[in-house]
């Protein structure tokens, strides 16, 4: 017979002599016939499907995959302690600097736990020069390396930044021998200069050079004030510059920027004595700011000359 075996019971029920044993209606009969005519997968067909699935999985597994997503701007690796440098002091300095840097708005520093766990897993497999592999393993845009060496009564800090393609630095600082927190400050300031060179902060090389004289807490407030000033949040800028000066009363750059923020707010009187700042502490300012300060206190006919000098030396900035 040309009737498929699976369809025969359906037809037999439809041809029953007793009407009570037949399909109750045409819809039920049609549904039963449709189900019976559907092909069931044979063992051979199931095997082919299984092999095809396995082949697709193997292709997917071997296909080049994109690098893991970036989760941080910077990962601060442990500092290498040279002869005469206490390794525990180097560890504290690195941890302290990373914590302070994480306080900068718009910069995400990889957590200490993630950084050190990855370091412990990879340090035996990756050399100190495999910076592309380190950035991928840490999933950070930039990775810092740090070395602390003994130099007489001082410790010399050298910091570099690496993004897997290029390196920035070294950025050098000096700290007092045996001072863990002071060395942490030195690492912080060296990294801050590197972050400016890598365009991760608005801190210029000139600014980084003078900021080293002040505590990281005051510097962070100054950075936040500077960002607020650029965003025209002038009252917030005044607040942060003022707090920085409360921590570091001799912070000349914060004092100068406070005067500028107050001027733009059109305060009746600027609290900062610009003449005193210019004559006594302009050497503590970056070159650009010292020229701008000179223009502020100069006679009216001298101002254009000084402002033109700033515009020629720093053409990418507007004043």
C-alpha atoms as a PDB file:
ATOM      1  CA  UNK A   1       0.000   0.000   0.000  1.00  0.00           C
ATOM      2  CA  UNK A   2       1.130   3.535  -0.729  1.00  0.00           C
ATOM      3  CA  UNK A   3      -0.333   4.824   2.546  1.00  0.00           C
ATOM      4  CA  UNK A   4       2.423   5.718   5.075  1.00  0.00           C
ATOM      5  CA  UNK A   5       2.484   3.467   8.115  1.00  0.00           C
ATOM      6  CA  UNK A   6       1.934   6.350  10.522  1.00  0.00           C
ATOM      7  CA  UNK A   7      -1.225   7.468   8.678  1.00  0.00           C
ATOM      8  CA  UNK A   8      -2.946   4.036   8.568  1.00  0.00           C
ATOM      9  CA  UNK A   9      -4.374   4.078  12.150  1.00  0.00           C
ATOM     10  CA  UNK A  10      -5.896   7.494  11.470  1.00  0.00           C
ATOM     11  CA  UNK A  11      -7.624   6.257   8.337  1.00  0.00           C
ATOM     12  CA  UNK A  12      -8.735   3.037  10.036  1.00  0.00           C
ATOM     13  CA  UNK A  13     -10.502   5.023  12.745  1.00  0.00           C
ATOM     14  CA  UNK A  14     -12.212   7.160  10.107  1.00  0.00           C
ATOM     15  CA  UNK A  15     -13.544   3.984   8.386  1.00  0.00           C
ATOM     16  CA  UNK A  16     -14.915   2.323  11.535  1.00  0.00           C
ATOM     17  CA  UNK A  17     -18.377   0.675  11.074  1.00  0.00           C
ATOM     18  CA  UNK A  18     -19.522   1.987  14.472  1.00  0.00           C
ATOM     19  CA  UNK A  19     -20.048   5.771  14.167  1.00  0.00           C
ATOM     20  CA  UNK A  20     -19.202   6.252  17.869  1.00  0.00           C
ATOM     21  CA  UNK A  21     -15.664   5.026  17.249  1.00  0.00           C
ATOM     22  CA  UNK A  22     -15.008   7.364  14.294  1.00  0.00           C
ATOM     23  CA  UNK A  23     -13.436  10.853  14.501  1.00  0.00           C
ATOM     24  CA  UNK A  24     -16.008  13.207  16.038  1.00  0.00           C
ATOM     25  CA  UNK A  25     -15.625  15.834  13.313  1.00  0.00           C
ATOM     26  CA  UNK A  26     -13.589  16.820  10.274  1.00  0.00           C
ATOM     27  CA  UNK A  27     -11.357  19.168  12.292  1.00  0.00           C
ATOM     28  CA  UNK A  28     -10.171  16.357  14.580  1.00  0.00           C
ATOM     29  CA  UNK A  29      -9.580  14.083  11.579  1.00  0.00           C
ATOM     30  CA  UNK A  30      -7.566  16.775   9.762  1.00  0.00           C
ATOM     31  CA  UNK A  31      -5.451  17.481  12.842  1.00  0.00           C
ATOM     32  CA  UNK A  32      -4.662  13.797  13.399  1.00  0.00           C
ATOM     33  CA  UNK A  33      -3.674  13.296   9.775  1.00  0.00           C
ATOM     34  CA  UNK A  34      -1.452  16.391   9.814  1.00  0.00           C
ATOM     35  CA  UNK A  35       0.377  15.217  12.942  1.00  0.00           C
ATOM     36  CA  UNK A  36       0.839  11.711  11.538  1.00  0.00           C
ATOM     37  CA  UNK A  37       2.313  13.010   8.298  1.00  0.00           C
ATOM     38  CA  UNK A  38       4.984  15.084  10.039  1.00  0.00           C
ATOM     39  CA  UNK A  39       8.401  13.527   9.627  1.00  0.00           C
ATOM     40  CA  UNK A  40      10.092  12.388  12.765  1.00  0.00           C
ATOM     41  CA  UNK A  41      13.903  12.801  12.817  1.00  0.00           C
ATOM     42  CA  UNK A  42      15.659   9.525  12.204  1.00  0.00           C
ATOM     43  CA  UNK A  43      18.794   8.510  14.066  1.00  0.00           C
ATOM     44  CA  UNK A  44      20.876   9.398  11.007  1.00  0.00           C
ATOM     45  CA  UNK A  45      19.289  12.818  10.736  1.00  0.00           C
ATOM     46  CA  UNK A  46      19.805  13.477  14.460  1.00  0.00           C
ATOM     47  CA  UNK A  47      23.458  12.509  14.085  1.00  0.00           C
ATOM     48  CA  UNK A  48      23.943  14.911  11.187  1.00  0.00           C
ATOM     49  CA  UNK A  49      22.343  17.733  13.198  1.00  0.00           C
ATOM     50  CA  UNK A  50      24.586  16.951  16.169  1.00  0.00           C
ATOM     51  CA  UNK A  51      27.738  16.959  14.037  1.00  0.00           C
ATOM     52  CA  UNK A  52      26.697  20.237  12.421  1.00  0.00           C
ATOM     53  CA  UNK A  53      26.142  21.845  15.826  1.00  0.00           C
ATOM     54  CA  UNK A  54      29.538  20.617  17.027  1.00  0.00           C
ATOM     55  CA  UNK A  55      31.239  21.992  13.914  1.00  0.00           C
ATOM     56  CA  UNK A  56      29.616  25.396  14.414  1.00  0.00           C
ATOM     57  CA  UNK A  57      30.736  25.451  18.058  1.00  0.00           C
ATOM     58  CA  UNK A  58      34.334  24.617  17.101  1.00  0.00           C
ATOM     59  CA  UNK A  59      34.346  27.393  14.473  1.00  0.00           C
ATOM     60  CA  UNK A  60      32.993  29.879  17.030  1.00  0.00           C
ATOM     61  CA  UNK A  61      35.559  28.755  19.617  1.00  0.00           C
ATOM     62  CA  UNK A  62      38.520  29.150  17.257  1.00  0.00           C
ATOM     63  CA  UNK A  63      37.323  32.407  15.672  1.00  0.00           C
ATOM     64  CA  UNK A  64      39.376  35.458  16.719  1.00  0.00           C
ATOM     65  CA  UNK A  65      37.532  37.315  19.447  1.00  0.00           C
ATOM     66  CA  UNK A  66      37.692  41.035  20.234  1.00  0.00           C
ATOM     67  CA  UNK A  67      39.682  42.026  23.324  1.00  0.00           C
ATOM     68  CA  UNK A  68      37.697  42.232  26.574  1.00  0.00           C
ATOM     69  CA  UNK A  69      35.877  45.480  27.224  1.00  0.00           C
ATOM     70  CA  UNK A  70      37.841  48.250  28.953  1.00  0.00           C
ATOM     71  CA  UNK A  71      36.661  48.717  32.533  1.00  0.00           C
ATOM     72  CA  UNK A  72      39.175  51.297  33.830  1.00  0.00           C
ATOM     73  CA  UNK A  73      41.270  54.247  32.673  1.00  0.00           C
ATOM     74  CA  UNK A  74      44.304  53.297  34.757  1.00  0.00           C
ATOM     75  CA  UNK A  75      45.689  50.284  36.600  1.00  0.00           C
ATOM     76  CA  UNK A  76      48.492  51.099  39.046  1.00  0.00           C
ATOM     77  CA  UNK A  77      50.836  48.118  39.221  1.00  0.00           C
ATOM     78  CA  UNK A  78      53.012  47.427  42.300  1.00  0.00           C
ATOM     79  CA  UNK A  79      56.160  49.509  42.630  1.00  0.00           C
ATOM     80  CA  UNK A  80      59.484  47.748  42.273  1.00  0.00           C
ATOM     81  CA  UNK A  81      61.590  48.322  45.396  1.00  0.00           C
ATOM     82  CA  UNK A  82      65.286  48.615  44.603  1.00  0.00           C
ATOM     83  CA  UNK A  83      68.179  47.865  46.986  1.00  0.00           C
ATOM     84  CA  UNK A  84      67.881  49.837  50.195  1.00  0.00           C
ATOM     85  CA  UNK A  85      64.123  50.398  49.766  1.00  0.00           C
ATOM     86  CA  UNK A  86      61.689  48.699  52.141  1.00  0.00           C
ATOM     87  CA  UNK A  87      59.241  46.615  50.001  1.00  0.00           C
ATOM     88  CA  UNK A  88      56.442  47.267  52.499  1.00  0.00           C
ATOM     89  CA  UNK A  89      56.989  51.022  52.145  1.00  0.00           C
ATOM     90  CA  UNK A  90      56.808  50.648  48.356  1.00  0.00           C
ATOM     91  CA  UNK A  91      53.542  48.704  48.714  1.00  0.00           C
ATOM     92  CA  UNK A  92      52.011  51.380  50.968  1.00  0.00           C
ATOM     93  CA  UNK A  93      53.178  54.168  48.617  1.00  0.00           C
ATOM     94  CA  UNK A  94      51.575  52.494  45.590  1.00  0.00           C
ATOM     95  CA  UNK A  95      48.295  51.843  47.418  1.00  0.00           C
ATOM     96  CA  UNK A  96      48.151  55.391  48.778  1.00  0.00           C
ATOM     97  CA  UNK A  97      48.815  56.988  45.379  1.00  0.00           C
ATOM     98  CA  UNK A  98      46.194  54.820  43.611  1.00  0.00           C
ATOM     99  CA  UNK A  99      43.571  55.702  46.222  1.00  0.00           C
ATOM    100  CA  UNK A 100      44.252  59.418  45.837  1.00  0.00           C
ATOM    101  CA  UNK A 101      44.135  59.255  42.035  1.00  0.00           C
ATOM    102  CA  UNK A 102      40.762  57.548  42.146  1.00  0.00           C
ATOM    103  CA  UNK A 103      39.420  60.752  43.687  1.00  0.00           C
ATOM    104  CA  UNK A 104      39.839  62.615  40.393  1.00  0.00           C
ATOM    105  CA  UNK A 105      36.549  63.055  38.605  1.00  0.00           C
ATOM    106  CA  UNK A 106      36.247  61.297  35.220  1.00  0.00           C
ATOM    107  CA  UNK A 107      39.167  58.954  35.927  1.00  0.00           C
ATOM    108  CA  UNK A 108      38.428  55.393  36.987  1.00  0.00           C
ATOM    109  CA  UNK A 109      41.360  53.671  38.662  1.00  0.00           C
ATOM    110  CA  UNK A 110      41.115  49.872  38.748  1.00  0.00           C
ATOM    111  CA  UNK A 111      40.461  48.634  42.275  1.00  0.00           C
ATOM    112  CA  UNK A 112      43.358  47.396  44.369  1.00  0.00           C
ATOM    113  CA  UNK A 113      41.830  43.926  44.668  1.00  0.00           C
ATOM    114  CA  UNK A 114      41.417  43.495  40.893  1.00  0.00           C
ATOM    115  CA  UNK A 115      44.837  44.938  40.152  1.00  0.00           C
ATOM    116  CA  UNK A 116      46.753  42.835  42.670  1.00  0.00           C
ATOM    117  CA  UNK A 117      44.809  39.633  41.931  1.00  0.00           C
ATOM    118  CA  UNK A 118      45.595  39.979  38.224  1.00  0.00           C
ATOM    119  CA  UNK A 119      49.203  40.819  39.044  1.00  0.00           C
ATOM    120  CA  UNK A 120      49.584  37.680  41.196  1.00  0.00           C
ATOM    121  CA  UNK A 121      48.093  35.488  38.431  1.00  0.00           C
ATOM    122  CA  UNK A 122      50.058  36.959  35.539  1.00  0.00           C
ATOM    123  CA  UNK A 123      53.411  38.097  36.930  1.00  0.00           C
ATOM    124  CA  UNK A 124      55.054  34.713  36.276  1.00  0.00           C
ATOM    125  CA  UNK A 125      53.715  34.549  32.721  1.00  0.00           C
ATOM    126  CA  UNK A 126      54.133  38.114  31.475  1.00  0.00           C
ATOM    127  CA  UNK A 127      57.381  40.039  31.382  1.00  0.00           C
ATOM    128  CA  UNK A 128      57.635  43.651  32.431  1.00  0.00           C
ATOM    129  CA  UNK A 129      57.754  44.654  28.746  1.00  0.00           C
ATOM    130  CA  UNK A 130      54.525  42.903  27.681  1.00  0.00           C
ATOM    131  CA  UNK A 131      52.466  46.044  28.144  1.00  0.00           C
ATOM    132  CA  UNK A 132      49.852  45.165  25.543  1.00  0.00           C
ATOM    133  CA  UNK A 133      49.204  41.867  27.320  1.00  0.00           C
ATOM    134  CA  UNK A 134      49.101  43.643  30.670  1.00  0.00           C
ATOM    135  CA  UNK A 135      46.532  46.203  29.473  1.00  0.00           C
ATOM    136  CA  UNK A 136      44.370  43.378  28.094  1.00  0.00           C
ATOM    137  CA  UNK A 137      44.701  41.263  31.235  1.00  0.00           C
ATOM    138  CA  UNK A 138      43.829  44.223  33.469  1.00  0.00           C
ATOM    139  CA  UNK A 139      41.244  45.610  31.016  1.00  0.00           C
ATOM    140  CA  UNK A 140      42.610  49.118  31.496  1.00  0.00           C
ATOM    141  CA  UNK A 141      43.430  51.815  28.953  1.00  0.00           C
ATOM    142  CA  UNK A 142      46.703  52.626  30.686  1.00  0.00           C
ATOM    143  CA  UNK A 143      48.964  50.650  33.005  1.00  0.00           C
ATOM    144  CA  UNK A 144      51.580  52.296  35.207  1.00  0.00           C
ATOM    145  CA  UNK A 145      54.949  50.917  36.178  1.00  0.00           C
ATOM    146  CA  UNK A 146      56.889  52.306  39.107  1.00  0.00           C
ATOM    147  CA  UNK A 147      60.392  51.934  40.459  1.00  0.00           C
ATOM    148  CA  UNK A 148      61.720  53.257  43.774  1.00  0.00           C
ATOM    149  CA  UNK A 149      65.482  53.383  44.258  1.00  0.00           C
ATOM    150  CA  UNK A 150      67.712  54.617  47.033  1.00  0.00           C
ATOM    151  CA  UNK A 151      69.652  57.836  46.424  1.00  0.00           C
ATOM    152  CA  UNK A 152      71.595  58.807  49.539  1.00  0.00           C
ATOM    153  CA  UNK A 153      69.194  60.242  52.121  1.00  0.00           C
ATOM    154  CA  UNK A 154      66.327  60.185  49.619  1.00  0.00           C
ATOM    155  CA  UNK A 155      64.286  57.779  47.542  1.00  0.00           C
ATOM    156  CA  UNK A 156      64.001  58.356  43.817  1.00  0.00           C
ATOM    157  CA  UNK A 157      60.613  57.573  42.245  1.00  0.00           C
ATOM    158  CA  UNK A 158      60.345  56.846  38.509  1.00  0.00           C
ATOM    159  CA  UNK A 159      56.914  56.254  36.962  1.00  0.00           C
ATOM    160  CA  UNK A 160      55.947  55.314  33.388  1.00  0.00           C
ATOM    161  CA  UNK A 161      52.560  54.911  31.704  1.00  0.00           C
ATOM    162  CA  UNK A 162      51.861  52.305  29.006  1.00  0.00           C
ATOM    163  CA  UNK A 163      48.831  51.783  26.781  1.00  0.00           C
ATOM    164  CA  UNK A 164      50.086  48.691  24.948  1.00  0.00           C
ATOM    165  CA  UNK A 165      51.297  50.730  21.968  1.00  0.00           C
ATOM    166  CA  UNK A 166      53.344  53.553  23.428  1.00  0.00           C
ATOM    167  CA  UNK A 167      54.881  54.515  26.752  1.00  0.00           C
ATOM    168  CA  UNK A 168      55.002  57.909  28.466  1.00  0.00           C
ATOM    169  CA  UNK A 169      57.724  58.921  30.901  1.00  0.00           C
ATOM    170  CA  UNK A 170      59.648  58.361  33.021  1.00  0.00           C
ATOM    171  CA  UNK A 171      58.260  60.957  35.419  1.00  0.00           C
ATOM    172  CA  UNK A 172      60.655  61.510  38.286  1.00  0.00           C
ATOM    173  CA  UNK A 173      60.125  62.631  41.862  1.00  0.00           C
ATOM    174  CA  UNK A 174      62.175  62.596  45.073  1.00  0.00           C
ATOM    175  CA  UNK A 175      60.880  61.651  48.519  1.00  0.00           C
ATOM    176  CA  UNK A 176      62.378  61.418  51.969  1.00  0.00           C
ATOM    177  CA  UNK A 177      64.000  58.082  52.710  1.00  0.00           C
ATOM    178  CA  UNK A 178      61.723  55.766  54.714  1.00  0.00           C
ATOM    179  CA  UNK A 179      58.633  57.996  54.403  1.00  0.00           C
ATOM    180  CA  UNK A 180      55.909  55.749  52.958  1.00  0.00           C
ATOM    181  CA  UNK A 181      53.247  58.448  52.671  1.00  0.00           C
ATOM    182  CA  UNK A 182      55.725  60.996  51.341  1.00  0.00           C
ATOM    183  CA  UNK A 183      56.769  58.440  48.730  1.00  0.00           C
ATOM    184  CA  UNK A 184      53.095  57.852  47.979  1.00  0.00           C
ATOM    185  CA  UNK A 185      52.762  61.599  47.395  1.00  0.00           C
ATOM    186  CA  UNK A 186      55.709  61.419  45.009  1.00  0.00           C
ATOM    187  CA  UNK A 187      54.137  58.499  43.102  1.00  0.00           C
ATOM    188  CA  UNK A 188      50.836  60.423  42.990  1.00  0.00           C
ATOM    189  CA  UNK A 189      52.444  63.555  41.537  1.00  0.00           C
ATOM    190  CA  UNK A 190      54.482  61.564  39.008  1.00  0.00           C
ATOM    191  CA  UNK A 191      51.353  59.708  37.864  1.00  0.00           C
ATOM    192  CA  UNK A 192      49.430  62.981  37.695  1.00  0.00           C
ATOM    193  CA  UNK A 193      52.025  64.401  35.326  1.00  0.00           C
ATOM    194  CA  UNK A 194      51.811  61.238  33.222  1.00  0.00           C
ATOM    195  CA  UNK A 195      48.010  61.363  33.106  1.00  0.00           C
ATOM    196  CA  UNK A 196      48.223  64.916  31.826  1.00  0.00           C
ATOM    197  CA  UNK A 197      50.652  63.841  29.091  1.00  0.00           C
ATOM    198  CA  UNK A 198      48.231  61.012  28.189  1.00  0.00           C
ATOM    199  CA  UNK A 199      45.344  63.521  27.943  1.00  0.00           C
ATOM    200  CA  UNK A 200      43.447  61.853  30.766  1.00  0.00           C
ATOM    201  CA  UNK A 201      43.449  65.042  32.854  1.00  0.00           C
ATOM    202  CA  UNK A 202      43.662  68.768  32.194  1.00  0.00           C
ATOM    203  CA  UNK A 203      46.888  69.033  34.214  1.00  0.00           C
ATOM    204  CA  UNK A 204      49.686  70.347  32.010  1.00  0.00           C
ATOM    205  CA  UNK A 205      53.348  69.479  32.412  1.00  0.00           C
ATOM    206  CA  UNK A 206      54.043  73.023  33.712  1.00  0.00           C
ATOM    207  CA  UNK A 207      51.268  72.701  36.293  1.00  0.00           C
ATOM    208  CA  UNK A 208      52.403  69.235  37.378  1.00  0.00           C
ATOM    209  CA  UNK A 209      55.845  70.658  38.053  1.00  0.00           C
ATOM    210  CA  UNK A 210      54.599  73.179  40.622  1.00  0.00           C
ATOM    211  CA  UNK A 211      51.896  70.957  42.135  1.00  0.00           C
ATOM    212  CA  UNK A 212      54.473  68.629  43.674  1.00  0.00           C
ATOM    213  CA  UNK A 213      54.973  71.096  46.517  1.00  0.00           C
ATOM    214  CA  UNK A 214      51.432  70.562  47.826  1.00  0.00           C
ATOM    215  CA  UNK A 215      49.457  67.726  49.390  1.00  0.00           C
ATOM    216  CA  UNK A 216      47.402  65.443  47.176  1.00  0.00           C
ATOM    217  CA  UNK A 217      44.194  66.437  48.999  1.00  0.00           C
ATOM    218  CA  UNK A 218      44.734  70.100  48.121  1.00  0.00           C
ATOM    219  CA  UNK A 219      45.742  69.224  44.560  1.00  0.00           C
ATOM    220  CA  UNK A 220      42.568  67.148  44.052  1.00  0.00           C
ATOM    221  CA  UNK A 221      40.455  70.089  45.221  1.00  0.00           C
ATOM    222  CA  UNK A 222      42.331  72.373  42.827  1.00  0.00           C
ATOM    223  CA  UNK A 223      41.747  69.944  39.917  1.00  0.00           C
ATOM    224  CA  UNK A 224      38.023  69.807  40.728  1.00  0.00           C
ATOM    225  CA  UNK A 225      37.915  73.595  40.969  1.00  0.00           C
ATOM    226  CA  UNK A 226      39.635  73.942  37.624  1.00  0.00           C
ATOM    227  CA  UNK A 227      37.133  71.572  35.989  1.00  0.00           C
ATOM    228  CA  UNK A 228      34.231  73.504  37.544  1.00  0.00           C
ATOM    229  CA  UNK A 229      35.738  76.765  36.266  1.00  0.00           C
ATOM    230  CA  UNK A 230      35.944  75.383  32.715  1.00  0.00           C
ATOM    231  CA  UNK A 231      32.278  74.331  32.957  1.00  0.00           C
ATOM    232  CA  UNK A 232      31.252  77.835  34.154  1.00  0.00           C
ATOM    233  CA  UNK A 233      30.276  76.440  37.569  1.00  0.00           C
ATOM    234  CA  UNK A 234      32.020  79.420  39.120  1.00  0.00           C
ATOM    235  CA  UNK A 235      30.583  79.241  42.634  1.00  0.00           C
ATOM    236  CA  UNK A 236      31.635  75.621  42.919  1.00  0.00           C
ATOM    237  CA  UNK A 237      35.096  76.582  41.610  1.00  0.00           C
ATOM    238  CA  UNK A 238      35.412  79.306  44.260  1.00  0.00           C
ATOM    239  CA  UNK A 239      34.367  76.816  46.947  1.00  0.00           C
ATOM    240  CA  UNK A 240      36.951  74.218  45.905  1.00  0.00           C
ATOM    241  CA  UNK A 241      39.821  76.689  45.447  1.00  0.00           C
ATOM    242  CA  UNK A 242      39.034  78.112  48.889  1.00  0.00           C
ATOM    243  CA  UNK A 243      39.097  74.651  50.470  1.00  0.00           C
ATOM    244  CA  UNK A 244      42.423  73.913  48.762  1.00  0.00           C
ATOM    245  CA  UNK A 245      43.864  77.073  50.293  1.00  0.00           C
ATOM    246  CA  UNK A 246      42.572  76.083  53.715  1.00  0.00           C
ATOM    247  CA  UNK A 247      44.672  72.909  53.417  1.00  0.00           C
ATOM    248  CA  UNK A 248      47.665  74.627  51.806  1.00  0.00           C
ATOM    249  CA  UNK A 249      47.694  78.398  52.589  1.00  0.00           C
ATOM    250  CA  UNK A 250      50.733  78.929  50.325  1.00  0.00           C
ATOM    251  CA  UNK A 251      49.114  77.199  47.311  1.00  0.00           C
ATOM    252  CA  UNK A 252      49.838  79.991  44.826  1.00  0.00           C
ATOM    253  CA  UNK A 253      48.112  78.370  41.825  1.00  0.00           C
ATOM    254  CA  UNK A 254      44.884  77.840  43.793  1.00  0.00           C
ATOM    255  CA  UNK A 255      45.054  81.436  45.023  1.00  0.00           C
ATOM    256  CA  UNK A 256      45.480  82.750  41.480  1.00  0.00           C
ATOM    257  CA  UNK A 257      42.602  80.664  40.117  1.00  0.00           C
ATOM    258  CA  UNK A 258      40.416  81.722  43.058  1.00  0.00           C
ATOM    259  CA  UNK A 259      41.010  85.352  42.060  1.00  0.00           C
ATOM    260  CA  UNK A 260      40.024  84.585  38.460  1.00  0.00           C
ATOM    261  CA  UNK A 261      36.834  82.758  39.527  1.00  0.00           C
ATOM    262  CA  UNK A 262      35.871  85.634  41.816  1.00  0.00           C
ATOM    263  CA  UNK A 263      36.495  88.134  39.022  1.00  0.00           C
ATOM    264  CA  UNK A 264      34.218  86.228  36.629  1.00  0.00           C
ATOM    265  CA  UNK A 265      31.569  86.110  39.337  1.00  0.00           C
ATOM    266  CA  UNK A 266      31.859  89.921  39.449  1.00  0.00           C
ATOM    267  CA  UNK A 267      32.519  90.024  43.168  1.00  0.00           C
ATOM    268  CA  UNK A 268      32.663  93.551  44.539  1.00  0.00           C
ATOM    269  CA  UNK A 269      36.142  92.846  45.828  1.00  0.00           C
ATOM    270  CA  UNK A 270      38.559  90.097  44.965  1.00  0.00           C
ATOM    271  CA  UNK A 271      39.869  88.602  48.184  1.00  0.00           C
ATOM    272  CA  UNK A 272      43.252  87.703  46.709  1.00  0.00           C
ATOM    273  CA  UNK A 273      45.960  90.392  46.779  1.00  0.00           C
ATOM    274  CA  UNK A 274      47.200  90.050  43.208  1.00  0.00           C
ATOM    275  CA  UNK A 275      50.044  92.527  43.642  1.00  0.00           C
ATOM    276  CA  UNK A 276      51.422  90.514  46.568  1.00  0.00           C
ATOM    277  CA  UNK A 277      50.920  87.254  44.666  1.00  0.00           C
ATOM    278  CA  UNK A 278      52.753  88.643  41.645  1.00  0.00           C
ATOM    279  CA  UNK A 279      55.721  90.195  43.433  1.00  0.00           C
ATOM    280  CA  UNK A 280      56.287  87.479  46.037  1.00  0.00           C
ATOM    281  CA  UNK A 281      55.084  84.162  44.611  1.00  0.00           C
ATOM    282  CA  UNK A 282      54.721  84.330  40.838  1.00  0.00           C
ATOM    283  CA  UNK A 283      57.729  81.981  40.583  1.00  0.00           C
ATOM    284  CA  UNK A 284      55.510  79.295  42.123  1.00  0.00           C
ATOM    285  CA  UNK A 285      53.129  79.470  39.153  1.00  0.00           C
ATOM    286  CA  UNK A 286      53.436  77.763  35.763  1.00  0.00           C
ATOM    287  CA  UNK A 287      54.873  80.004  33.043  1.00  0.00           C
ATOM    288  CA  UNK A 288      51.503  80.597  31.374  1.00  0.00           C
ATOM    289  CA  UNK A 289      49.794  81.586  34.618  1.00  0.00           C
ATOM    290  CA  UNK A 290      52.643  83.831  35.734  1.00  0.00           C
ATOM    291  CA  UNK A 291      52.387  85.772  32.433  1.00  0.00           C
ATOM    292  CA  UNK A 292      48.600  86.041  32.817  1.00  0.00           C
ATOM    293  CA  UNK A 293      49.056  87.297  36.368  1.00  0.00           C
ATOM    294  CA  UNK A 294      51.590  89.835  35.116  1.00  0.00           C
ATOM    295  CA  UNK A 295      49.004  91.025  32.564  1.00  0.00           C
ATOM    296  CA  UNK A 296      46.411  91.434  35.305  1.00  0.00           C
ATOM    297  CA  UNK A 297      48.600  93.706  37.433  1.00  0.00           C
ATOM    298  CA  UNK A 298      50.304  95.539  34.522  1.00  0.00           C
ATOM    299  CA  UNK A 299      49.482  99.030  33.306  1.00  0.00           C
ATOM    300  CA  UNK A 300      46.717  99.218  30.710  1.00  0.00           C
ATOM    301  CA  UNK A 301      49.129  99.848  27.795  1.00  0.00           C
ATOM    302  CA  UNK A 302      51.243  96.775  28.736  1.00  0.00           C
ATOM    303  CA  UNK A 303      48.388  94.279  28.957  1.00  0.00           C
ATOM    304  CA  UNK A 304      48.023  93.609  25.167  1.00  0.00           C
ATOM    305  CA  UNK A 305      51.735  92.791  24.847  1.00  0.00           C
ATOM    306  CA  UNK A 306      51.622  90.231  27.658  1.00  0.00           C
ATOM    307  CA  UNK A 307      48.348  88.667  26.499  1.00  0.00           C
ATOM    308  CA  UNK A 308      49.702  88.408  22.951  1.00  0.00           C
ATOM    309  CA  UNK A 309      52.739  86.579  24.306  1.00  0.00           C
ATOM    310  CA  UNK A 310      50.479  84.034  26.012  1.00  0.00           C
ATOM    311  CA  UNK A 311      48.375  83.571  22.859  1.00  0.00           C
ATOM    312  CA  UNK A 312      51.497  82.969  20.748  1.00  0.00           C
ATOM    313  CA  UNK A 313      53.028  80.531  23.238  1.00  0.00           C
ATOM    314  CA  UNK A 314      49.769  78.659  23.925  1.00  0.00           C
ATOM    315  CA  UNK A 315      47.756  78.915  20.671  1.00  0.00           C
ATOM    316  CA  UNK A 316      45.407  76.032  21.547  1.00  0.00           C
ATOM    317  CA  UNK A 317      43.927  77.764  24.583  1.00  0.00           C
ATOM    318  CA  UNK A 318      41.443  80.593  24.725  1.00  0.00           C
ATOM    319  CA  UNK A 319      41.525  83.448  27.243  1.00  0.00           C
END
